[in-house]
């Protein structure tokens, strides 16, 4: 089946994932991870994309972004991909591709899924066995929202600000969301939507979004159930 074109719509949150080719690591050192964050910050500012959350895993990364323009997200990801590959190859004495094809992304309904998506990113290292708790993993945005550090890269979404009237209240409320975790249904929905490119939201949200594009935003007909989802997509 032909793959669907990626969809980018201004002012909507987008969940993005980029994987290493054949599951190979895209980060070998902490310097690699720091360079990736520097490049994300640089291009997010250049292309007017708000970065709400991120997690850097060994062989893939997740981003939660809201572009201001229709081409801001694809331009960011294209520039980021090219620049990081040059850095990575030069640093590690290698040549050739690094990415597993094009990045994957989906639009999400903020009111229903944005905070859950942030929790999903925070818990990815826990699901993968890289950390006992989200707060123990330094290569995600969790520390910023839990009050452990401040990152210039990040732009909190308005829904985060609504968690409390003071920084302490917001941090405590968000930490409790992460501690509570996600249901298996939430986790599966977030995984499948980004891997397949289906918009994630209620029927009214998808219907309103469909008016903005000719691209299909959901499954056209029921299919066979997915037998399993990645342990740490």
N, C-alpha and C. Protein backbone atom coordinates (compact mmCIF):
# COMPACT_ATOMS: atom_id res chain seq x y z
N UNK A 1 0.85 -1.19 0.00
CA UNK A 1 0.00 0.00 0.00
C UNK A 1 0.89 1.24 0.00
N UNK A 2 0.58 2.21 -0.86
CA UNK A 2 1.38 3.41 -0.95
C UNK A 2 1.30 4.18 0.36
N UNK A 3 2.44 4.71 0.78
CA UNK A 3 2.44 5.44 2.05
C UNK A 3 1.78 6.79 1.86
N UNK A 4 1.15 7.26 2.93
CA UNK A 4 0.46 8.53 2.89
C UNK A 4 1.47 9.68 2.98
N UNK A 5 1.18 10.78 2.29
CA UNK A 5 2.04 11.94 2.47
C UNK A 5 1.93 12.46 3.90
N UNK A 6 3.00 13.00 4.42
CA UNK A 6 2.94 13.58 5.76
C UNK A 6 2.08 14.83 5.73
N UNK A 7 1.46 15.10 6.85
CA UNK A 7 0.57 16.26 6.95
C UNK A 7 1.11 17.20 8.01
N UNK A 8 1.21 18.47 7.69
CA UNK A 8 1.62 19.48 8.65
C UNK A 8 0.65 20.64 8.57
N UNK A 9 0.02 20.96 9.69
CA UNK A 9 -0.99 22.02 9.74
C UNK A 9 -0.58 23.02 10.82
N UNK A 10 -0.51 24.29 10.50
CA UNK A 10 -0.10 25.28 11.51
C UNK A 10 -1.01 25.26 12.73
N UNK A 11 -0.41 25.51 13.88
CA UNK A 11 -1.10 25.70 15.16
C UNK A 11 -1.64 24.42 15.78
N UNK A 12 -1.36 23.26 15.17
CA UNK A 12 -1.75 21.98 15.75
C UNK A 12 -0.52 21.27 16.31
N UNK A 13 -0.65 20.61 17.45
CA UNK A 13 0.48 19.82 17.95
C UNK A 13 0.73 18.61 17.06
N UNK A 14 2.00 18.30 16.84
CA UNK A 14 2.41 17.15 16.03
C UNK A 14 3.34 16.26 16.86
N UNK A 15 3.08 14.98 16.85
CA UNK A 15 3.95 14.00 17.48
C UNK A 15 4.83 13.43 16.37
N UNK A 16 6.14 13.53 16.54
CA UNK A 16 7.10 13.15 15.50
C UNK A 16 8.05 12.10 16.05
N UNK A 17 8.38 11.12 15.21
CA UNK A 17 9.39 10.13 15.56
C UNK A 17 10.34 9.94 14.40
N UNK A 18 11.64 9.87 14.70
CA UNK A 18 12.67 9.59 13.69
C UNK A 18 13.54 8.46 14.22
N UNK A 19 13.69 7.41 13.42
CA UNK A 19 14.42 6.21 13.83
C UNK A 19 15.75 6.08 13.09
N UNK A 20 16.66 5.35 13.71
CA UNK A 20 17.91 5.01 13.06
C UNK A 20 17.72 3.91 12.04
N UNK A 21 18.54 3.91 10.99
CA UNK A 21 18.44 2.92 9.93
C UNK A 21 18.68 1.52 10.49
N UNK A 22 17.74 0.60 10.20
CA UNK A 22 17.85 -0.79 10.67
C UNK A 22 18.02 -0.88 12.18
N UNK A 23 17.45 0.07 12.90
CA UNK A 23 17.51 0.04 14.35
C UNK A 23 18.86 0.41 14.93
N UNK A 24 19.78 0.93 14.12
CA UNK A 24 21.11 1.26 14.61
C UNK A 24 21.06 2.51 15.48
N UNK A 25 22.01 2.65 16.40
CA UNK A 25 22.04 3.83 17.28
C UNK A 25 22.22 5.11 16.48
N UNK A 26 21.53 6.14 16.92
CA UNK A 26 21.74 7.47 16.35
C UNK A 26 22.50 8.36 17.32
N UNK A 27 22.71 7.85 18.53
CA UNK A 27 23.53 8.53 19.52
C UNK A 27 24.51 7.52 20.11
N UNK A 28 25.77 7.87 20.11
CA UNK A 28 26.78 7.01 20.72
C UNK A 28 27.38 7.63 21.98
N UNK A 29 27.29 8.93 22.10
CA UNK A 29 27.87 9.62 23.24
C UNK A 29 26.92 10.72 23.72
N UNK A 30 27.18 11.22 24.92
CA UNK A 30 26.41 12.35 25.41
C UNK A 30 26.63 13.59 24.56
N UNK A 31 27.83 13.70 23.98
CA UNK A 31 28.09 14.83 23.08
C UNK A 31 27.15 14.79 21.88
N UNK A 32 26.86 13.59 21.38
CA UNK A 32 25.90 13.45 20.28
C UNK A 32 24.53 13.97 20.70
N UNK A 33 24.11 13.60 21.88
CA UNK A 33 22.79 14.01 22.36
C UNK A 33 22.74 15.52 22.55
N UNK A 34 23.80 16.08 23.12
CA UNK A 34 23.83 17.54 23.28
C UNK A 34 23.78 18.24 21.94
N UNK A 35 24.49 17.69 20.94
CA UNK A 35 24.49 18.32 19.62
C UNK A 35 23.10 18.26 19.00
N UNK A 36 22.41 17.16 19.17
CA UNK A 36 21.05 17.05 18.64
C UNK A 36 20.14 18.11 19.26
N UNK A 37 20.23 18.30 20.55
CA UNK A 37 19.38 19.30 21.21
C UNK A 37 19.73 20.71 20.75
N UNK A 38 21.01 20.97 20.55
CA UNK A 38 21.42 22.28 20.05
C UNK A 38 20.83 22.53 18.67
N UNK A 39 20.84 21.52 17.81
CA UNK A 39 20.32 21.68 16.46
C UNK A 39 18.80 21.82 16.46
N UNK A 40 18.13 21.07 17.31
CA UNK A 40 16.68 21.21 17.42
C UNK A 40 16.33 22.64 17.83
N UNK A 41 17.04 23.16 18.82
CA UNK A 41 16.77 24.53 19.28
C UNK A 41 17.03 25.53 18.16
N UNK A 42 18.14 25.37 17.45
CA UNK A 42 18.48 26.30 16.38
C UNK A 42 17.42 26.32 15.28
N UNK A 43 17.03 25.15 14.81
CA UNK A 43 16.10 25.10 13.69
C UNK A 43 14.65 25.36 14.12
N UNK A 44 14.31 25.04 15.34
CA UNK A 44 12.97 25.37 15.83
C UNK A 44 12.78 26.88 15.85
N UNK A 45 13.81 27.59 16.26
CA UNK A 45 13.73 29.05 16.27
C UNK A 45 13.70 29.58 14.83
N UNK A 46 14.54 29.01 13.97
CA UNK A 46 14.62 29.50 12.59
C UNK A 46 13.31 29.29 11.84
N UNK A 47 12.67 28.14 12.04
CA UNK A 47 11.48 27.81 11.26
C UNK A 47 10.18 27.99 12.04
N UNK A 48 10.27 28.65 13.18
CA UNK A 48 9.08 29.02 13.97
C UNK A 48 8.24 27.80 14.38
N UNK A 49 8.91 26.89 15.05
CA UNK A 49 8.26 25.69 15.56
C UNK A 49 8.45 25.64 17.07
N UNK A 50 7.36 25.54 17.81
CA UNK A 50 7.45 25.43 19.26
C UNK A 50 7.73 23.97 19.63
N UNK A 51 8.74 23.77 20.46
CA UNK A 51 9.09 22.44 20.93
C UNK A 51 8.52 22.28 22.34
N UNK A 52 7.52 21.41 22.48
CA UNK A 52 6.87 21.21 23.77
C UNK A 52 7.55 20.11 24.59
N UNK A 53 8.01 19.07 23.93
CA UNK A 53 8.59 17.94 24.65
C UNK A 53 9.47 17.13 23.71
N UNK A 54 10.39 16.36 24.30
CA UNK A 54 11.27 15.50 23.51
C UNK A 54 11.75 14.35 24.38
N UNK A 55 12.22 13.30 23.73
CA UNK A 55 13.01 12.27 24.38
C UNK A 55 13.99 11.72 23.35
N UNK A 56 15.23 11.57 23.75
CA UNK A 56 16.28 11.01 22.90
C UNK A 56 16.58 9.60 23.40
N UNK A 57 16.21 8.61 22.62
CA UNK A 57 16.52 7.22 22.94
C UNK A 57 17.82 6.85 22.22
N UNK A 58 18.29 5.62 22.38
CA UNK A 58 19.53 5.23 21.72
C UNK A 58 19.41 5.21 20.20
N UNK A 59 18.29 4.67 19.69
CA UNK A 59 18.16 4.49 18.25
C UNK A 59 16.99 5.24 17.63
N UNK A 60 16.38 6.13 18.39
CA UNK A 60 15.32 6.97 17.83
C UNK A 60 15.06 8.15 18.75
N UNK A 61 14.28 9.09 18.25
CA UNK A 61 13.89 10.24 19.06
C UNK A 61 12.43 10.57 18.81
N UNK A 62 11.80 11.16 19.82
CA UNK A 62 10.44 11.66 19.71
C UNK A 62 10.44 13.16 19.96
N UNK A 63 9.58 13.88 19.25
CA UNK A 63 9.38 15.30 19.46
C UNK A 63 7.89 15.60 19.50
N UNK A 64 7.50 16.56 20.32
CA UNK A 64 6.13 17.07 20.34
C UNK A 64 6.22 18.54 19.99
N UNK A 65 5.69 18.91 18.83
CA UNK A 65 5.94 20.21 18.23
C UNK A 65 4.65 20.87 17.76
N UNK A 66 4.64 22.19 17.77
CA UNK A 66 3.56 22.94 17.12
C UNK A 66 4.18 23.95 16.16
N UNK A 67 4.02 23.74 14.85
CA UNK A 67 4.57 24.69 13.88
C UNK A 67 3.68 25.91 13.73
N UNK A 68 4.29 27.04 13.47
CA UNK A 68 3.52 28.26 13.23
C UNK A 68 3.09 28.36 11.78
N UNK A 69 3.83 27.71 10.88
CA UNK A 69 3.53 27.76 9.45
C UNK A 69 3.37 26.35 8.89
N UNK A 70 2.82 26.25 7.70
CA UNK A 70 2.58 24.95 7.10
C UNK A 70 3.82 24.20 6.73
N UNK A 71 4.91 24.92 6.42
CA UNK A 71 6.13 24.23 6.02
C UNK A 71 7.21 24.25 7.10
N UNK A 72 6.89 24.80 8.26
CA UNK A 72 7.89 24.91 9.32
C UNK A 72 8.40 23.57 9.81
N UNK A 73 7.48 22.63 10.05
CA UNK A 73 7.87 21.31 10.56
C UNK A 73 8.72 20.53 9.55
N UNK A 74 8.26 20.36 8.30
CA UNK A 74 9.12 19.62 7.37
C UNK A 74 10.46 20.28 7.13
N UNK A 75 10.51 21.59 7.13
CA UNK A 75 11.79 22.27 6.94
C UNK A 75 12.71 22.04 8.14
N UNK A 76 12.14 22.08 9.33
CA UNK A 76 12.94 21.78 10.52
C UNK A 76 13.52 20.38 10.45
N UNK A 77 12.67 19.39 10.16
CA UNK A 77 13.12 18.00 10.17
C UNK A 77 14.13 17.74 9.06
N UNK A 78 13.96 18.37 7.90
CA UNK A 78 14.91 18.19 6.81
C UNK A 78 16.28 18.77 7.19
N UNK A 79 16.27 20.00 7.71
CA UNK A 79 17.53 20.63 8.08
C UNK A 79 18.20 19.88 9.23
N UNK A 80 17.42 19.48 10.21
CA UNK A 80 17.94 18.74 11.35
C UNK A 80 18.56 17.42 10.91
N UNK A 81 17.84 16.70 10.05
CA UNK A 81 18.34 15.41 9.59
C UNK A 81 19.65 15.52 8.85
N UNK A 82 19.74 16.46 7.94
CA UNK A 82 20.96 16.61 7.14
C UNK A 82 22.14 17.07 7.99
N UNK A 83 21.90 18.04 8.82
CA UNK A 83 23.00 18.61 9.61
C UNK A 83 23.50 17.60 10.64
N UNK A 84 22.60 16.88 11.28
CA UNK A 84 23.04 15.92 12.30
C UNK A 84 23.79 14.76 11.67
N UNK A 85 23.35 14.29 10.51
CA UNK A 85 24.06 13.19 9.86
C UNK A 85 25.49 13.59 9.54
N UNK A 86 25.68 14.80 9.04
CA UNK A 86 27.05 15.27 8.75
C UNK A 86 27.88 15.28 10.02
N UNK A 87 27.30 15.80 11.09
CA UNK A 87 28.02 15.83 12.37
C UNK A 87 28.34 14.41 12.83
N UNK A 88 27.35 13.53 12.81
CA UNK A 88 27.53 12.18 13.34
C UNK A 88 28.57 11.40 12.54
N UNK A 89 28.50 11.49 11.21
CA UNK A 89 29.46 10.78 10.38
C UNK A 89 30.88 11.31 10.58
N UNK A 90 31.02 12.62 10.66
CA UNK A 90 32.35 13.20 10.89
C UNK A 90 32.89 12.81 12.26
N UNK A 91 32.03 12.78 13.25
CA UNK A 91 32.47 12.50 14.62
C UNK A 91 32.86 11.05 14.82
N UNK A 92 32.24 10.15 14.08
CA UNK A 92 32.43 8.73 14.33
C UNK A 92 33.08 7.98 13.16
N UNK A 93 33.64 8.73 12.22
CA UNK A 93 34.39 8.13 11.13
C UNK A 93 33.58 7.16 10.29
N UNK A 94 32.38 7.55 9.94
CA UNK A 94 31.50 6.69 9.16
C UNK A 94 30.96 7.45 7.96
N UNK A 95 30.34 6.75 7.04
CA UNK A 95 29.69 7.35 5.89
C UNK A 95 28.31 6.72 5.73
N UNK A 96 27.51 7.31 4.86
CA UNK A 96 26.23 6.71 4.53
C UNK A 96 25.08 7.24 5.36
N UNK A 97 23.95 6.59 5.15
CA UNK A 97 22.72 7.04 5.78
C UNK A 97 22.70 6.72 7.27
N UNK A 98 21.93 7.48 8.00
CA UNK A 98 21.74 7.24 9.43
C UNK A 98 20.28 6.95 9.74
N UNK A 99 19.38 7.56 8.98
CA UNK A 99 17.96 7.49 9.29
C UNK A 99 17.26 6.33 8.59
N UNK A 100 16.24 5.83 9.23
CA UNK A 100 15.39 4.78 8.67
C UNK A 100 14.31 5.44 7.81
N UNK A 101 14.71 5.95 6.66
CA UNK A 101 13.77 6.62 5.78
C UNK A 101 13.31 7.95 6.36
N UNK A 102 12.16 8.37 5.96
CA UNK A 102 11.63 9.65 6.38
C UNK A 102 11.06 9.56 7.79
N UNK A 103 10.98 10.71 8.44
CA UNK A 103 10.40 10.74 9.78
C UNK A 103 8.90 10.45 9.70
N UNK A 104 8.34 10.02 10.81
CA UNK A 104 6.91 9.76 10.92
C UNK A 104 6.29 10.79 11.83
N UNK A 105 5.04 11.16 11.55
CA UNK A 105 4.40 12.17 12.37
C UNK A 105 2.89 12.04 12.31
N UNK A 106 2.25 12.64 13.28
CA UNK A 106 0.79 12.69 13.30
C UNK A 106 0.35 13.95 14.02
N UNK A 107 -0.85 14.41 13.73
CA UNK A 107 -1.46 15.52 14.44
C UNK A 107 -2.28 14.96 15.60
N UNK A 108 -2.26 15.68 16.72
CA UNK A 108 -3.04 15.22 17.86
C UNK A 108 -3.98 16.34 18.35
N UNK A 109 -5.11 15.92 18.89
CA UNK A 109 -6.04 16.86 19.50
C UNK A 109 -5.49 17.21 20.88
N UNK A 110 -5.13 18.46 21.06
CA UNK A 110 -4.42 18.85 22.27
C UNK A 110 -5.21 18.55 23.54
N UNK A 111 -6.48 18.93 23.57
CA UNK A 111 -7.25 18.78 24.79
C UNK A 111 -7.38 17.34 25.24
N UNK A 112 -7.37 16.40 24.31
CA UNK A 112 -7.52 14.99 24.64
C UNK A 112 -6.19 14.29 24.86
N UNK A 113 -5.16 14.70 24.12
CA UNK A 113 -3.98 13.84 24.04
C UNK A 113 -2.63 14.51 24.28
N UNK A 114 -2.56 15.83 24.39
CA UNK A 114 -1.25 16.45 24.45
C UNK A 114 -0.49 16.08 25.74
N UNK A 115 -1.13 16.23 26.88
CA UNK A 115 -0.45 15.89 28.13
C UNK A 115 -0.12 14.40 28.18
N UNK A 116 -1.03 13.57 27.66
CA UNK A 116 -0.76 12.14 27.60
C UNK A 116 0.44 11.85 26.71
N UNK A 117 0.59 12.59 25.63
CA UNK A 117 1.73 12.39 24.74
C UNK A 117 3.02 12.79 25.45
N UNK A 118 3.00 13.84 26.24
CA UNK A 118 4.17 14.22 27.01
C UNK A 118 4.55 13.12 27.99
N UNK A 119 3.56 12.56 28.66
CA UNK A 119 3.81 11.46 29.59
C UNK A 119 4.37 10.25 28.84
N UNK A 120 3.82 9.99 27.68
CA UNK A 120 4.29 8.88 26.84
C UNK A 120 5.78 9.03 26.52
N UNK A 121 6.19 10.23 26.15
CA UNK A 121 7.61 10.47 25.87
C UNK A 121 8.45 10.27 27.13
N UNK A 122 7.98 10.82 28.25
CA UNK A 122 8.74 10.71 29.49
C UNK A 122 8.94 9.27 29.92
N UNK A 123 7.94 8.42 29.67
CA UNK A 123 7.99 7.04 30.14
C UNK A 123 8.66 6.10 29.14
N UNK A 124 9.02 6.61 27.97
CA UNK A 124 9.67 5.76 26.97
C UNK A 124 10.95 5.11 27.53
N UNK A 125 11.83 5.87 28.19
CA UNK A 125 13.03 5.23 28.75
C UNK A 125 12.72 4.21 29.84
N UNK A 126 11.65 4.42 30.57
CA UNK A 126 11.25 3.47 31.61
C UNK A 126 10.77 2.18 30.97
N UNK A 127 9.95 2.31 29.92
CA UNK A 127 9.47 1.11 29.22
C UNK A 127 10.63 0.34 28.60
N UNK A 128 11.66 1.04 28.18
CA UNK A 128 12.81 0.39 27.53
C UNK A 128 13.82 -0.14 28.53
N UNK A 129 13.59 0.10 29.80
CA UNK A 129 14.52 -0.39 30.81
C UNK A 129 15.77 0.45 30.97
N UNK A 130 15.74 1.69 30.48
CA UNK A 130 16.90 2.57 30.59
C UNK A 130 16.90 3.38 31.88
N UNK A 131 15.77 3.44 32.56
CA UNK A 131 15.67 4.18 33.80
C UNK A 131 14.55 3.59 34.64
N UNK A 132 14.70 3.69 35.96
CA UNK A 132 13.66 3.18 36.85
C UNK A 132 12.48 4.14 36.91
N UNK A 133 12.76 5.43 36.81
CA UNK A 133 11.73 6.46 36.82
C UNK A 133 12.05 7.50 35.76
N UNK A 134 11.02 8.22 35.32
CA UNK A 134 11.23 9.25 34.30
C UNK A 134 12.24 10.28 34.75
N UNK A 135 12.23 10.63 36.03
CA UNK A 135 13.14 11.66 36.54
C UNK A 135 14.60 11.22 36.50
N UNK A 136 14.85 9.93 36.36
CA UNK A 136 16.22 9.43 36.34
C UNK A 136 16.87 9.53 34.96
N UNK A 137 16.08 9.83 33.94
CA UNK A 137 16.59 9.88 32.57
C UNK A 137 16.77 11.33 32.16
N UNK A 138 18.01 11.74 31.90
CA UNK A 138 18.28 13.16 31.68
C UNK A 138 18.01 13.61 30.25
N UNK A 139 17.87 12.66 29.30
CA UNK A 139 17.75 13.05 27.90
C UNK A 139 16.29 13.11 27.45
N UNK A 140 15.47 13.73 28.28
CA UNK A 140 14.08 14.00 27.92
C UNK A 140 13.69 15.33 28.53
N UNK A 141 12.54 15.83 28.15
CA UNK A 141 12.05 17.11 28.67
C UNK A 141 11.42 16.98 30.05
N UNK A 142 11.37 15.77 30.61
CA UNK A 142 10.71 15.58 31.89
C UNK A 142 11.30 16.47 32.97
N UNK A 143 12.62 16.57 33.02
CA UNK A 143 13.25 17.36 34.07
C UNK A 143 12.79 18.81 34.08
N UNK A 144 12.56 19.37 32.90
CA UNK A 144 12.09 20.76 32.81
C UNK A 144 10.71 20.90 33.44
N UNK A 145 9.80 20.00 33.11
CA UNK A 145 8.43 20.12 33.58
C UNK A 145 8.24 19.67 35.02
N UNK A 146 9.18 18.87 35.50
CA UNK A 146 9.12 18.42 36.90
C UNK A 146 9.91 19.34 37.82
N UNK A 147 10.47 20.43 37.28
CA UNK A 147 11.18 21.40 38.11
C UNK A 147 12.59 21.03 38.46
N UNK A 148 13.19 20.11 37.74
CA UNK A 148 14.56 19.67 38.03
C UNK A 148 15.60 20.53 37.33
N UNK A 149 15.23 21.17 36.22
CA UNK A 149 16.14 22.03 35.48
C UNK A 149 15.32 22.91 34.54
N UNK A 150 15.97 23.87 33.92
CA UNK A 150 15.31 24.77 32.97
C UNK A 150 15.98 24.60 31.62
N UNK A 151 15.17 24.43 30.56
CA UNK A 151 15.70 24.27 29.21
C UNK A 151 15.12 25.34 28.29
N UNK A 152 16.00 26.13 27.70
CA UNK A 152 15.56 27.19 26.78
C UNK A 152 14.87 26.63 25.56
N UNK A 153 15.22 25.41 25.20
CA UNK A 153 14.66 24.77 24.01
C UNK A 153 13.15 24.68 24.06
N UNK A 154 12.58 24.54 25.25
CA UNK A 154 11.18 24.15 25.39
C UNK A 154 10.23 25.35 25.49
N UNK A 155 9.07 25.17 24.88
CA UNK A 155 7.97 26.12 24.99
C UNK A 155 6.78 25.37 25.57
N UNK A 156 6.47 25.56 26.84
CA UNK A 156 5.34 24.84 27.42
C UNK A 156 4.03 25.17 26.70
N UNK A 157 3.23 24.13 26.46
CA UNK A 157 1.92 24.32 25.84
C UNK A 157 0.97 24.95 26.86
N UNK A 158 -0.01 25.74 26.41
CA UNK A 158 -0.97 26.32 27.35
C UNK A 158 -1.63 25.31 28.28
N UNK A 159 -1.80 24.08 27.83
CA UNK A 159 -2.42 23.08 28.71
C UNK A 159 -1.52 22.76 29.90
N UNK A 160 -0.22 22.88 29.73
CA UNK A 160 0.66 22.68 30.89
C UNK A 160 0.47 23.81 31.89
N UNK A 161 0.37 25.05 31.40
CA UNK A 161 0.19 26.18 32.29
C UNK A 161 -1.10 26.06 33.10
N UNK A 162 -2.08 25.39 32.54
CA UNK A 162 -3.35 25.23 33.23
C UNK A 162 -3.31 24.21 34.37
N UNK A 163 -2.19 23.53 34.54
CA UNK A 163 -2.10 22.52 35.59
C UNK A 163 -2.01 23.14 36.99
N UNK A 164 -1.67 24.43 37.09
CA UNK A 164 -1.58 25.07 38.40
C UNK A 164 -1.29 26.54 38.27
N UNK A 165 -1.50 27.26 39.35
CA UNK A 165 -1.33 28.71 39.34
C UNK A 165 0.09 29.15 39.68
N UNK A 166 0.91 28.22 40.16
CA UNK A 166 2.29 28.54 40.49
C UNK A 166 3.21 27.49 39.85
N UNK A 167 4.49 27.83 39.68
CA UNK A 167 5.40 26.82 39.14
C UNK A 167 5.40 25.53 39.95
N UNK A 168 5.41 25.65 41.28
CA UNK A 168 5.42 24.45 42.12
C UNK A 168 4.16 23.62 41.89
N UNK A 169 3.01 24.26 41.79
CA UNK A 169 1.76 23.53 41.58
C UNK A 169 1.76 22.82 40.23
N UNK A 170 2.26 23.51 39.20
CA UNK A 170 2.30 22.88 37.88
C UNK A 170 3.26 21.71 37.87
N UNK A 171 4.41 21.88 38.46
CA UNK A 171 5.41 20.81 38.49
C UNK A 171 4.90 19.60 39.25
N UNK A 172 4.25 19.85 40.38
CA UNK A 172 3.72 18.74 41.17
C UNK A 172 2.60 18.02 40.43
N UNK A 173 1.73 18.79 39.78
CA UNK A 173 0.62 18.18 39.04
C UNK A 173 1.13 17.36 37.87
N UNK A 174 2.14 17.89 37.19
CA UNK A 174 2.67 17.15 36.05
C UNK A 174 3.40 15.89 36.50
N UNK A 175 4.18 16.00 37.56
CA UNK A 175 4.87 14.82 38.10
C UNK A 175 3.87 13.74 38.48
N UNK A 176 2.71 14.15 39.00
CA UNK A 176 1.69 13.17 39.36
C UNK A 176 1.11 12.50 38.12
N UNK A 177 0.95 13.26 37.04
CA UNK A 177 0.48 12.67 35.78
C UNK A 177 1.43 11.57 35.31
N UNK A 178 2.73 11.87 35.39
CA UNK A 178 3.73 10.89 34.95
C UNK A 178 3.72 9.69 35.88
N UNK A 179 3.61 9.94 37.18
CA UNK A 179 3.57 8.85 38.14
C UNK A 179 2.37 7.94 37.91
N UNK A 180 1.24 8.53 37.53
CA UNK A 180 0.03 7.74 37.28
C UNK A 180 0.15 6.91 36.01
N UNK A 181 0.95 7.37 35.06
CA UNK A 181 1.18 6.60 33.84
C UNK A 181 0.02 6.64 32.87
N UNK A 182 0.09 5.77 31.88
CA UNK A 182 -0.92 5.70 30.83
C UNK A 182 -1.59 4.34 30.83
N UNK A 183 -2.83 4.31 30.38
CA UNK A 183 -3.48 3.02 30.18
C UNK A 183 -2.90 2.36 28.94
N UNK A 184 -3.11 1.07 28.82
CA UNK A 184 -2.62 0.36 27.63
C UNK A 184 -3.28 0.90 26.37
N UNK A 185 -4.56 1.33 26.50
CA UNK A 185 -5.26 1.90 25.34
C UNK A 185 -4.64 3.22 24.91
N UNK A 186 -4.29 4.07 25.88
CA UNK A 186 -3.64 5.34 25.55
C UNK A 186 -2.29 5.10 24.89
N UNK A 187 -1.52 4.21 25.45
CA UNK A 187 -0.20 3.93 24.91
C UNK A 187 -0.28 3.39 23.49
N UNK A 188 -1.22 2.47 23.26
CA UNK A 188 -1.37 1.90 21.92
C UNK A 188 -1.82 2.96 20.93
N UNK A 189 -2.76 3.81 21.34
CA UNK A 189 -3.25 4.85 20.43
C UNK A 189 -2.14 5.82 20.05
N UNK A 190 -1.32 6.21 21.01
CA UNK A 190 -0.23 7.13 20.71
C UNK A 190 0.82 6.48 19.83
N UNK A 191 1.10 5.20 20.06
CA UNK A 191 2.08 4.50 19.24
C UNK A 191 1.58 4.33 17.81
N UNK A 192 0.38 3.80 17.65
CA UNK A 192 -0.13 3.50 16.31
C UNK A 192 -0.37 4.76 15.50
N UNK A 193 -0.82 5.83 16.14
CA UNK A 193 -1.11 7.05 15.39
C UNK A 193 0.15 7.62 14.76
N UNK A 194 1.26 7.65 15.52
CA UNK A 194 2.47 8.23 14.95
C UNK A 194 3.12 7.30 13.94
N UNK A 195 3.05 6.00 14.16
CA UNK A 195 3.67 5.07 13.21
C UNK A 195 2.91 5.00 11.89
N UNK A 196 1.59 5.18 11.94
CA UNK A 196 0.78 5.07 10.72
C UNK A 196 0.35 6.42 10.15
N UNK A 197 0.55 7.49 10.91
CA UNK A 197 0.19 8.82 10.40
C UNK A 197 -1.26 9.18 10.50
N UNK A 198 -2.02 8.46 11.34
CA UNK A 198 -3.43 8.79 11.53
C UNK A 198 -3.57 9.92 12.54
N UNK A 199 -4.45 10.87 12.28
CA UNK A 199 -4.72 11.93 13.25
C UNK A 199 -5.30 11.32 14.52
N UNK A 200 -4.89 11.84 15.66
CA UNK A 200 -5.33 11.29 16.94
C UNK A 200 -6.23 12.29 17.65
N UNK A 201 -7.51 11.94 17.71
CA UNK A 201 -8.47 12.82 18.37
C UNK A 201 -9.87 12.29 18.20
N UNK A 202 -10.82 13.03 18.73
CA UNK A 202 -12.22 12.64 18.62
C UNK A 202 -12.74 12.79 17.21
N UNK A 203 -13.94 12.27 16.98
CA UNK A 203 -14.54 12.29 15.64
C UNK A 203 -14.71 13.71 15.12
N UNK A 204 -15.12 14.64 15.98
CA UNK A 204 -15.31 16.02 15.55
C UNK A 204 -13.99 16.67 15.17
N UNK A 205 -12.95 16.36 15.94
CA UNK A 205 -11.62 16.90 15.64
C UNK A 205 -11.14 16.41 14.29
N UNK A 206 -11.25 15.11 14.05
CA UNK A 206 -10.78 14.54 12.79
C UNK A 206 -11.59 15.09 11.62
N UNK A 207 -12.91 15.22 11.81
CA UNK A 207 -13.77 15.73 10.74
C UNK A 207 -13.41 17.17 10.39
N UNK A 208 -13.16 17.98 11.41
CA UNK A 208 -12.80 19.38 11.15
C UNK A 208 -11.44 19.47 10.48
N UNK A 209 -10.53 18.63 10.90
CA UNK A 209 -9.19 18.62 10.31
C UNK A 209 -9.23 18.12 8.87
N UNK A 210 -10.12 17.17 8.60
CA UNK A 210 -10.22 16.61 7.26
C UNK A 210 -10.61 17.67 6.23
N UNK A 211 -11.32 18.71 6.67
CA UNK A 211 -11.71 19.78 5.77
C UNK A 211 -10.51 20.60 5.28
N UNK A 212 -9.38 20.47 5.97
CA UNK A 212 -8.20 21.23 5.62
C UNK A 212 -7.29 20.50 4.65
N UNK A 213 -7.60 19.22 4.35
CA UNK A 213 -6.70 18.43 3.51
C UNK A 213 -7.46 17.35 2.76
N UNK A 214 -6.92 16.94 1.60
CA UNK A 214 -7.49 15.81 0.87
C UNK A 214 -6.91 14.49 1.34
N UNK A 215 -5.87 14.53 2.14
CA UNK A 215 -5.22 13.33 2.65
C UNK A 215 -6.11 12.63 3.68
N UNK A 216 -6.19 11.30 3.60
CA UNK A 216 -6.94 10.57 4.61
C UNK A 216 -6.30 10.72 5.97
N UNK A 217 -7.11 10.91 7.00
CA UNK A 217 -6.59 11.13 8.35
C UNK A 217 -6.87 9.98 9.29
N UNK A 218 -7.64 8.98 8.84
CA UNK A 218 -7.94 7.83 9.68
C UNK A 218 -8.09 6.61 8.79
N UNK A 219 -8.17 5.45 9.40
CA UNK A 219 -8.34 4.23 8.63
C UNK A 219 -9.63 4.30 7.83
N UNK A 220 -9.54 3.93 6.55
CA UNK A 220 -10.73 4.00 5.70
C UNK A 220 -11.69 2.87 5.97
N UNK A 221 -11.17 1.77 6.50
CA UNK A 221 -12.02 0.63 6.81
C UNK A 221 -11.34 -0.19 7.90
N UNK A 222 -12.12 -0.96 8.65
CA UNK A 222 -11.51 -1.75 9.71
C UNK A 222 -10.48 -2.72 9.13
N UNK A 223 -9.38 -2.85 9.83
CA UNK A 223 -8.34 -3.78 9.39
C UNK A 223 -8.07 -4.81 10.45
N UNK A 224 -7.09 -5.65 10.17
CA UNK A 224 -6.71 -6.66 11.14
C UNK A 224 -6.06 -5.98 12.34
N UNK A 225 -6.32 -6.43 13.53
CA UNK A 225 -5.70 -5.81 14.70
C UNK A 225 -4.19 -5.98 14.69
N UNK A 226 -3.52 -4.98 15.21
CA UNK A 226 -2.07 -5.05 15.30
C UNK A 226 -1.71 -6.07 16.37
N UNK A 227 -0.81 -7.00 16.03
CA UNK A 227 -0.51 -8.09 16.93
C UNK A 227 0.30 -7.63 18.12
N UNK A 228 1.12 -6.62 17.94
CA UNK A 228 1.91 -6.11 19.04
C UNK A 228 2.37 -4.71 18.70
N UNK A 229 2.72 -3.96 19.73
CA UNK A 229 3.26 -2.62 19.54
C UNK A 229 4.67 -2.60 20.10
N UNK A 230 5.52 -1.73 19.56
CA UNK A 230 6.90 -1.70 20.03
C UNK A 230 6.98 -1.44 21.52
N UNK A 231 7.96 -2.05 22.20
CA UNK A 231 8.10 -1.86 23.62
C UNK A 231 8.38 -0.42 23.95
N UNK A 232 9.14 0.23 23.13
CA UNK A 232 9.45 1.65 23.35
C UNK A 232 9.51 2.34 22.01
N UNK A 233 8.34 2.59 21.43
CA UNK A 233 8.27 3.12 20.08
C UNK A 233 8.94 4.49 19.99
